[in-house]
Amino acid sequence: MIRRRFHFRETIATILAEEEVHVEAARKGMIEARRDIEHHIALDPFFKATLEPYQVQSKSTVINRMAKAGMSASVGPMAAVAGTIAWSGVEHMLRAGAETAVIDNGGDIVLCSDRVLHVGIHAGASSHSDTLAFEVPPQEGILGICTSSATVGPSISFGIADAVTVFSQNPAVADAWATSICNTITKEDTRIMERVPWQDVQGILVIAGEWMESFGDLPPVVKAKVNRDLVTGGPW
């Protein structure tokens, strides 16, 4: 597999592909998505600023995905930005003929794969961090594996969790719900799980210090030694 870093303005991502043509397709898809977002923000700055759900009408698939995901999770549309950009990149890879396509956009991962993949779990200072991985089976369709953290990275969070990872076939929904859950969940208060749209979300893993809890249907979690040099950083 080819591993390439991608840096375009605030987007810092890692692309995994079998051929360079698929890497170029990923770059094209992410740049197009970013330009759609930047154009929309120039016309509607509130889209970027709000932390609340915000309904929009746009001809852009990217903008509509972000807004709908934010409405689902009761957060602003920018909570879904990284997952949505990575989604666009993977879609372009698949159109270019890729059978395995993976983009990690600052901890928000979108993939489609004809093989088993191990996705490491990075959870800051938690003792669970960098010792475990999801063993993700082959995927016929696109899968989002998005993580939000109150202790790692520059993203806005109002919670205490070291990592909340959400699996969904809709990467924008995975990203938005990771943010929403991370904002509120504690070991003593998991009521937000009653609001999760389980028809759209497959599973969720929450890590906060020594506490680790799973919800829904997750792939197996196996022991692993995660190389921190492979953890992609970046706000979106």
C-alpha atoms as a PDB file:
ATOM      1  CA  MET A   1       0.000   0.000   0.000  1.00  0.00           C
ATOM      2  CA  ILE A   2       1.071   3.558  -0.746  1.00  0.00           C
ATOM      3  CA  ARG A   3       0.926   6.015   2.156  1.00  0.00           C
ATOM      4  CA  ARG A   4       0.883   9.717   1.288  1.00  0.00           C
ATOM      5  CA  ARG A   5       0.403  12.797   3.431  1.00  0.00           C
ATOM      6  CA  PHE A   6      -1.918  15.480   2.095  1.00  0.00           C
ATOM      7  CA  HIS A   7      -1.849  19.088   3.293  1.00  0.00           C
ATOM      8  CA  PHE A   8      -4.132  21.708   1.788  1.00  0.00           C
ATOM      9  CA  ARG A   9      -4.764  24.769   3.952  1.00  0.00           C
ATOM     10  CA  GLU A  10      -6.180  23.462   7.271  1.00  0.00           C
ATOM     11  CA  THR A  11      -6.729  19.940   5.974  1.00  0.00           C
ATOM     12  CA  ILE A  12      -3.949  17.544   7.012  1.00  0.00           C
ATOM     13  CA  ALA A  13      -4.706  13.972   5.982  1.00  0.00           C
ATOM     14  CA  THR A  14      -3.135  10.615   5.245  1.00  0.00           C
ATOM     15  CA  ILE A  15      -4.115   8.706   2.113  1.00  0.00           C
ATOM     16  CA  LEU A  16      -3.691   4.935   1.757  1.00  0.00           C
ATOM     17  CA  ALA A  17      -4.011   3.515  -1.738  1.00  0.00           C
ATOM     18  CA  GLU A  18      -2.624   0.869  -4.060  1.00  0.00           C
ATOM     19  CA  GLU A  19      -1.774   3.183  -6.963  1.00  0.00           C
ATOM     20  CA  GLU A  20      -0.658   6.798  -7.346  1.00  0.00           C
ATOM     21  CA  VAL A  21      -3.630   7.518  -9.603  1.00  0.00           C
ATOM     22  CA  HIS A  22      -5.890   6.775  -6.642  1.00  0.00           C
ATOM     23  CA  VAL A  23      -3.856   9.103  -4.436  1.00  0.00           C
ATOM     24  CA  GLU A  24      -4.325  11.872  -6.986  1.00  0.00           C
ATOM     25  CA  ALA A  25      -8.048  11.147  -7.090  1.00  0.00           C
ATOM     26  CA  ALA A  26      -8.211  11.465  -3.303  1.00  0.00           C
ATOM     27  CA  ARG A  27      -6.427  14.804  -3.410  1.00  0.00           C
ATOM     28  CA  LYS A  28      -8.788  16.074  -6.091  1.00  0.00           C
ATOM     29  CA  GLY A  29     -11.849  15.005  -4.137  1.00  0.00           C
ATOM     30  CA  MET A  30     -10.714  16.658  -0.905  1.00  0.00           C
ATOM     31  CA  ILE A  31      -9.721  19.886  -2.634  1.00  0.00           C
ATOM     32  CA  GLU A  32     -13.086  20.069  -4.405  1.00  0.00           C
ATOM     33  CA  ALA A  33     -14.897  19.502  -1.118  1.00  0.00           C
ATOM     34  CA  ARG A  34     -12.888  22.202   0.640  1.00  0.00           C
ATOM     35  CA  ARG A  35     -13.549  24.668  -2.147  1.00  0.00           C
ATOM     36  CA  ASP A  36     -17.296  23.984  -1.908  1.00  0.00           C
ATOM     37  CA  ILE A  37     -17.134  24.655   1.831  1.00  0.00           C
ATOM     38  CA  GLU A  38     -15.036  27.803   1.463  1.00  0.00           C
ATOM     39  CA  HIS A  39     -17.372  29.152  -1.219  1.00  0.00           C
ATOM     40  CA  HIS A  40     -20.407  28.523   0.961  1.00  0.00           C
ATOM     41  CA  ILE A  41     -18.787  30.146   4.008  1.00  0.00           C
ATOM     42  CA  ALA A  42     -17.938  33.233   1.955  1.00  0.00           C
ATOM     43  CA  LEU A  43     -21.654  33.605   1.180  1.00  0.00           C
ATOM     44  CA  ASP A  44     -22.880  32.482   4.607  1.00  0.00           C
ATOM     45  CA  PRO A  45     -20.290  32.990   7.398  1.00  0.00           C
ATOM     46  CA  PHE A  46     -22.768  31.759  10.033  1.00  0.00           C
ATOM     47  CA  PHE A  47     -22.409  28.252   8.558  1.00  0.00           C
ATOM     48  CA  LYS A  48     -18.861  28.147   9.944  1.00  0.00           C
ATOM     49  CA  ALA A  49     -19.491  30.033  13.185  1.00  0.00           C
ATOM     50  CA  THR A  50     -22.550  28.299  14.609  1.00  0.00           C
ATOM     51  CA  LEU A  51     -22.280  25.456  17.095  1.00  0.00           C
ATOM     52  CA  GLU A  52     -26.003  24.751  16.742  1.00  0.00           C
ATOM     53  CA  PRO A  53     -27.873  22.789  14.066  1.00  0.00           C
ATOM     54  CA  TYR A  54     -28.263  24.912  10.950  1.00  0.00           C
ATOM     55  CA  GLN A  55     -30.581  24.046   8.086  1.00  0.00           C
ATOM     56  CA  VAL A  56     -29.383  25.124   4.654  1.00  0.00           C
ATOM     57  CA  GLN A  57     -30.435  24.726   1.058  1.00  0.00           C
ATOM     58  CA  SER A  58     -27.506  24.206  -1.256  1.00  0.00           C
ATOM     59  CA  LYS A  59     -26.721  22.677  -4.613  1.00  0.00           C
ATOM     60  CA  SER A  60     -23.545  21.272  -3.029  1.00  0.00           C
ATOM     61  CA  THR A  61     -23.678  17.662  -1.836  1.00  0.00           C
ATOM     62  CA  VAL A  62     -20.851  18.452   0.584  1.00  0.00           C
ATOM     63  CA  ILE A  63     -22.736  21.312   2.256  1.00  0.00           C
ATOM     64  CA  ASN A  64     -25.968  19.343   2.480  1.00  0.00           C
ATOM     65  CA  ARG A  65     -24.193  16.359   4.038  1.00  0.00           C
ATOM     66  CA  MET A  66     -22.637  18.547   6.721  1.00  0.00           C
ATOM     67  CA  ALA A  67     -25.864  20.373   7.510  1.00  0.00           C
ATOM     68  CA  LYS A  68     -27.953  17.179   7.712  1.00  0.00           C
ATOM     69  CA  ALA A  69     -25.386  15.494   9.963  1.00  0.00           C
ATOM     70  CA  GLY A  70     -25.347  18.506  12.266  1.00  0.00           C
ATOM     71  CA  MET A  71     -29.138  18.455  12.468  1.00  0.00           C
ATOM     72  CA  SER A  72     -29.037  14.755  13.341  1.00  0.00           C
ATOM     73  CA  ALA A  73     -26.520  15.204  16.156  1.00  0.00           C
ATOM     74  CA  SER A  74     -27.663  18.636  17.423  1.00  0.00           C
ATOM     75  CA  VAL A  75     -24.344  20.294  16.586  1.00  0.00           C
ATOM     76  CA  GLY A  76     -23.167  22.835  14.041  1.00  0.00           C
ATOM     77  CA  PRO A  77     -22.419  21.702  10.482  1.00  0.00           C
ATOM     78  CA  MET A  78     -18.674  22.229  10.898  1.00  0.00           C
ATOM     79  CA  ALA A  79     -18.664  19.327  13.371  1.00  0.00           C
ATOM     80  CA  ALA A  80     -18.932  17.099  10.296  1.00  0.00           C
ATOM     81  CA  VAL A  81     -16.354  18.864   8.145  1.00  0.00           C
ATOM     82  CA  ALA A  82     -13.391  16.468   8.418  1.00  0.00           C
ATOM     83  CA  GLY A  83     -15.413  13.332   7.835  1.00  0.00           C
ATOM     84  CA  THR A  84     -17.233  14.939   4.906  1.00  0.00           C
ATOM     85  CA  ILE A  85     -14.018  16.046   3.213  1.00  0.00           C
ATOM     86  CA  ALA A  86     -12.510  12.570   3.624  1.00  0.00           C
ATOM     87  CA  TRP A  87     -15.752  11.077   2.265  1.00  0.00           C
ATOM     88  CA  SER A  88     -15.397  13.121  -0.910  1.00  0.00           C
ATOM     89  CA  GLY A  89     -11.797  11.949  -1.313  1.00  0.00           C
ATOM     90  CA  VAL A  90     -12.711   8.262  -0.975  1.00  0.00           C
ATOM     91  CA  GLU A  91     -15.591   8.642  -3.421  1.00  0.00           C
ATOM     92  CA  HIS A  92     -13.167  10.029  -6.004  1.00  0.00           C
ATOM     93  CA  MET A  93     -10.783   7.125  -5.339  1.00  0.00           C
ATOM     94  CA  LEU A  94     -13.525   4.589  -5.964  1.00  0.00           C
ATOM     95  CA  ARG A  95     -14.549   6.336  -9.191  1.00  0.00           C
ATOM     96  CA  ALA A  96     -10.921   6.053 -10.276  1.00  0.00           C
ATOM     97  CA  GLY A  97     -11.096   2.274  -9.823  1.00  0.00           C
ATOM     98  CA  ALA A  98      -9.651   1.811  -6.316  1.00  0.00           C
ATOM     99  CA  GLU A  99     -10.601  -1.390  -4.491  1.00  0.00           C
ATOM    100  CA  THR A 100      -8.999  -0.245  -1.255  1.00  0.00           C
ATOM    101  CA  ALA A 101      -9.304   3.430  -0.350  1.00  0.00           C
ATOM    102  CA  VAL A 102      -8.507   4.940   3.041  1.00  0.00           C
ATOM    103  CA  ILE A 103      -8.308   8.569   4.127  1.00  0.00           C
ATOM    104  CA  ASP A 104      -7.496   9.623   7.693  1.00  0.00           C
ATOM    105  CA  ASN A 105      -8.377  13.302   8.056  1.00  0.00           C
ATOM    106  CA  GLY A 106      -7.083  14.201  11.495  1.00  0.00           C
ATOM    107  CA  GLY A 107      -8.598  11.148  13.203  1.00  0.00           C
ATOM    108  CA  ASP A 108     -11.725  11.035  11.068  1.00  0.00           C
ATOM    109  CA  ILE A 109     -11.296   7.994   8.837  1.00  0.00           C
ATOM    110  CA  VAL A 110     -13.268   7.069   5.748  1.00  0.00           C
ATOM    111  CA  LEU A 111     -12.561   3.810   3.966  1.00  0.00           C
ATOM    112  CA  CYS A 112     -13.696   1.156   1.546  1.00  0.00           C
ATOM    113  CA  SER A 113     -11.582  -1.985   1.485  1.00  0.00           C
ATOM    114  CA  ASP A 114     -11.393  -5.449  -0.019  1.00  0.00           C
ATOM    115  CA  ARG A 115      -9.299  -6.681   2.923  1.00  0.00           C
ATOM    116  CA  VAL A 116      -9.184  -6.670   6.722  1.00  0.00           C
ATOM    117  CA  LEU A 117      -7.784  -3.421   8.105  1.00  0.00           C
ATOM    118  CA  HIS A 118      -6.564  -2.620  11.610  1.00  0.00           C
ATOM    119  CA  VAL A 119      -7.474   0.869  12.778  1.00  0.00           C
ATOM    120  CA  GLY A 120      -5.512   1.943  15.840  1.00  0.00           C
ATOM    121  CA  ILE A 121      -7.176   3.636  18.812  1.00  0.00           C
ATOM    122  CA  HIS A 122      -5.452   6.826  19.961  1.00  0.00           C
ATOM    123  CA  ALA A 123      -6.947   8.251  23.172  1.00  0.00           C
ATOM    124  CA  GLY A 124      -4.490  10.741  24.579  1.00  0.00           C
ATOM    125  CA  ALA A 125      -3.167   9.955  28.051  1.00  0.00           C
ATOM    126  CA  SER A 126      -5.575   7.069  28.677  1.00  0.00           C
ATOM    127  CA  SER A 127      -3.876   3.762  29.424  1.00  0.00           C
ATOM    128  CA  HIS A 128      -5.957   2.281  26.578  1.00  0.00           C
ATOM    129  CA  SER A 129      -4.353   4.632  24.069  1.00  0.00           C
ATOM    130  CA  ASP A 130      -2.152   3.091  21.355  1.00  0.00           C
ATOM    131  CA  THR A 131      -2.602  -0.438  22.758  1.00  0.00           C
ATOM    132  CA  LEU A 132      -5.758  -1.446  20.893  1.00  0.00           C
ATOM    133  CA  ALA A 133      -7.097  -1.488  17.348  1.00  0.00           C
ATOM    134  CA  PHE A 134     -10.370  -2.170  15.575  1.00  0.00           C
ATOM    135  CA  GLU A 135     -10.164  -5.186  13.278  1.00  0.00           C
ATOM    136  CA  VAL A 136     -12.340  -3.900  10.455  1.00  0.00           C
ATOM    137  CA  PRO A 137     -13.575  -6.560   8.023  1.00  0.00           C
ATOM    138  CA  PRO A 138     -13.710  -5.961   4.245  1.00  0.00           C
ATOM    139  CA  GLN A 139     -16.262  -3.317   3.301  1.00  0.00           C
ATOM    140  CA  GLU A 140     -18.344  -3.376   0.140  1.00  0.00           C
ATOM    141  CA  GLY A 141     -19.443   0.199   0.730  1.00  0.00           C
ATOM    142  CA  ILE A 142     -18.003   3.313   2.329  1.00  0.00           C
ATOM    143  CA  LEU A 143     -17.538   3.324   6.107  1.00  0.00           C
ATOM    144  CA  GLY A 144     -16.836   6.275   8.368  1.00  0.00           C
ATOM    145  CA  ILE A 145     -14.821   5.740  11.568  1.00  0.00           C
ATOM    146  CA  CYS A 146     -14.724   9.172  13.184  1.00  0.00           C
ATOM    147  CA  THR A 147     -13.217  10.141  16.521  1.00  0.00           C
ATOM    148  CA  SER A 148     -13.693  13.193  18.699  1.00  0.00           C
ATOM    149  CA  SER A 149     -11.598  13.989  21.765  1.00  0.00           C
ATOM    150  CA  ALA A 150     -11.721  16.570  24.530  1.00  0.00           C
ATOM    151  CA  THR A 151      -8.039  16.005  25.319  1.00  0.00           C
ATOM    152  CA  VAL A 152      -6.365  15.494  21.924  1.00  0.00           C
ATOM    153  CA  GLY A 153      -6.189  17.908  19.006  1.00  0.00           C
ATOM    154  CA  PRO A 154      -7.416  21.462  18.358  1.00  0.00           C
ATOM    155  CA  SER A 155     -11.123  20.767  17.777  1.00  0.00           C
ATOM    156  CA  ILE A 156     -13.699  22.421  20.030  1.00  0.00           C
ATOM    157  CA  SER A 157     -15.094  20.071  22.680  1.00  0.00           C
ATOM    158  CA  PHE A 158     -17.088  20.693  25.854  1.00  0.00           C
ATOM    159  CA  GLY A 159     -16.599  17.208  27.289  1.00  0.00           C
ATOM    160  CA  ILE A 160     -14.048  15.085  29.139  1.00  0.00           C
ATOM    161  CA  ALA A 161     -13.665  11.976  26.959  1.00  0.00           C
ATOM    162  CA  ASP A 162     -10.243  11.042  25.630  1.00  0.00           C
ATOM    163  CA  ALA A 163     -11.864   9.457  22.571  1.00  0.00           C
ATOM    164  CA  VAL A 164     -15.338   8.855  21.216  1.00  0.00           C
ATOM    165  CA  THR A 165     -15.274   6.788  18.028  1.00  0.00           C
ATOM    166  CA  VAL A 166     -18.409   6.390  15.926  1.00  0.00           C
ATOM    167  CA  PHE A 167     -18.919   3.915  13.069  1.00  0.00           C
ATOM    168  CA  SER A 168     -21.405   4.796  10.336  1.00  0.00           C
ATOM    169  CA  GLN A 169     -21.858   4.228   6.631  1.00  0.00           C
ATOM    170  CA  ASN A 170     -22.507   7.964   6.530  1.00  0.00           C
ATOM    171  CA  PRO A 171     -19.136   9.544   7.467  1.00  0.00           C
ATOM    172  CA  ALA A 172     -20.667  12.971   8.049  1.00  0.00           C
ATOM    173  CA  VAL A 173     -23.054  11.468  10.604  1.00  0.00           C
ATOM    174  CA  ALA A 174     -20.169   9.579  12.234  1.00  0.00           C
ATOM    175  CA  ASP A 175     -18.191  12.812  12.573  1.00  0.00           C
ATOM    176  CA  ALA A 176     -21.073  14.910  13.909  1.00  0.00           C
ATOM    177  CA  TRP A 177     -22.191  12.285  16.428  1.00  0.00           C
ATOM    178  CA  ALA A 178     -18.635  11.751  17.666  1.00  0.00           C
ATOM    179  CA  THR A 179     -18.543  15.460  18.508  1.00  0.00           C
ATOM    180  CA  SER A 180     -21.999  15.481  20.083  1.00  0.00           C
ATOM    181  CA  ILE A 181     -21.338  12.451  22.287  1.00  0.00           C
ATOM    182  CA  CYS A 182     -17.886  13.662  23.286  1.00  0.00           C
ATOM    183  CA  ASN A 183     -19.407  16.979  24.383  1.00  0.00           C
ATOM    184  CA  THR A 184     -21.630  15.406  27.029  1.00  0.00           C
ATOM    185  CA  ILE A 185     -20.955  11.782  27.903  1.00  0.00           C
ATOM    186  CA  THR A 186     -19.487  10.698  31.229  1.00  0.00           C
ATOM    187  CA  LYS A 187     -19.331   7.361  33.017  1.00  0.00           C
ATOM    188  CA  GLU A 188     -22.151   8.562  35.257  1.00  0.00           C
ATOM    189  CA  ASP A 189     -24.302  10.024  32.465  1.00  0.00           C
ATOM    190  CA  THR A 190     -24.714   8.141  29.180  1.00  0.00           C
ATOM    191  CA  ARG A 191     -28.222   9.423  28.417  1.00  0.00           C
ATOM    192  CA  ILE A 192     -27.145  10.855  25.063  1.00  0.00           C
ATOM    193  CA  MET A 193     -27.001   7.281  23.759  1.00  0.00           C
ATOM    194  CA  GLU A 194     -30.804   7.251  23.907  1.00  0.00           C
ATOM    195  CA  ARG A 195     -30.811   9.900  21.153  1.00  0.00           C
ATOM    196  CA  VAL A 196     -28.379   8.165  18.792  1.00  0.00           C
ATOM    197  CA  PRO A 197     -30.063   7.222  15.467  1.00  0.00           C
ATOM    198  CA  TRP A 198     -29.092   3.558  15.463  1.00  0.00           C
ATOM    199  CA  GLN A 199     -30.518   3.159  11.974  1.00  0.00           C
ATOM    200  CA  ASP A 200     -27.608   5.353  10.811  1.00  0.00           C
ATOM    201  CA  VAL A 201     -24.931   4.474  13.395  1.00  0.00           C
ATOM    202  CA  GLN A 202     -23.451   0.984  13.717  1.00  0.00           C
ATOM    203  CA  GLY A 203     -21.427   1.307  16.904  1.00  0.00           C
ATOM    204  CA  ILE A 204     -19.651   3.631  19.325  1.00  0.00           C
ATOM    205  CA  LEU A 205     -16.616   3.279  21.581  1.00  0.00           C
ATOM    206  CA  VAL A 206     -16.040   5.731  24.432  1.00  0.00           C
ATOM    207  CA  ILE A 207     -12.772   6.091  26.346  1.00  0.00           C
ATOM    208  CA  ALA A 208     -12.327   8.485  29.275  1.00  0.00           C
ATOM    209  CA  GLY A 209      -9.309   7.756  31.412  1.00  0.00           C
ATOM    210  CA  GLU A 210      -9.587   4.132  32.540  1.00  0.00           C
ATOM    211  CA  TRP A 211     -13.259   3.906  31.567  1.00  0.00           C
ATOM    212  CA  MET A 212     -13.973   2.217  28.232  1.00  0.00           C
ATOM    213  CA  GLU A 213     -17.487   1.330  27.092  1.00  0.00           C
ATOM    214  CA  SER A 214     -18.927   0.150  23.782  1.00  0.00           C
ATOM    215  CA  PHE A 215     -22.425   0.710  22.419  1.00  0.00           C
ATOM    216  CA  GLY A 216     -24.104  -0.850  19.400  1.00  0.00           C
ATOM    217  CA  ASP A 217     -22.315  -3.179  17.014  1.00  0.00           C
ATOM    218  CA  LEU A 218     -18.556  -2.696  16.736  1.00  0.00           C
ATOM    219  CA  PRO A 219     -15.908  -4.754  14.933  1.00  0.00           C
ATOM    220  CA  PRO A 220     -13.567  -6.761  17.185  1.00  0.00           C
ATOM    221  CA  VAL A 221     -11.117  -4.752  19.294  1.00  0.00           C
ATOM    222  CA  VAL A 222      -7.716  -6.460  19.387  1.00  0.00           C
ATOM    223  CA  LYS A 223      -4.426  -5.782  21.112  1.00  0.00           C
ATOM    224  CA  ALA A 224      -2.047  -3.681  19.038  1.00  0.00           C
ATOM    225  CA  LYS A 225       0.966  -1.418  19.242  1.00  0.00           C
ATOM    226  CA  VAL A 226      -0.024   1.808  17.533  1.00  0.00           C
ATOM    227  CA  ASN A 227       2.775   3.863  16.003  1.00  0.00           C
ATOM    228  CA  ARG A 228       2.081   7.452  17.060  1.00  0.00           C
ATOM    229  CA  ASP A 229       4.035   8.706  14.050  1.00  0.00           C
ATOM    230  CA  LEU A 230       1.152   7.413  11.921  1.00  0.00           C
ATOM    231  CA  VAL A 231      -1.473   9.445  13.809  1.00  0.00           C
ATOM    232  CA  THR A 232      -2.612  12.187  11.463  1.00  0.00           C
ATOM    233  CA  GLY A 233      -2.991  15.645  12.954  1.00  0.00           C
ATOM    234  CA  GLY A 234      -4.976  18.621  11.760  1.00  0.00           C
ATOM    235  CA  PRO A 235      -8.141  20.584  12.577  1.00  0.00           C
ATOM    236  CA  TRP A 236     -10.038  19.678   9.398  1.00  0.00           C
END
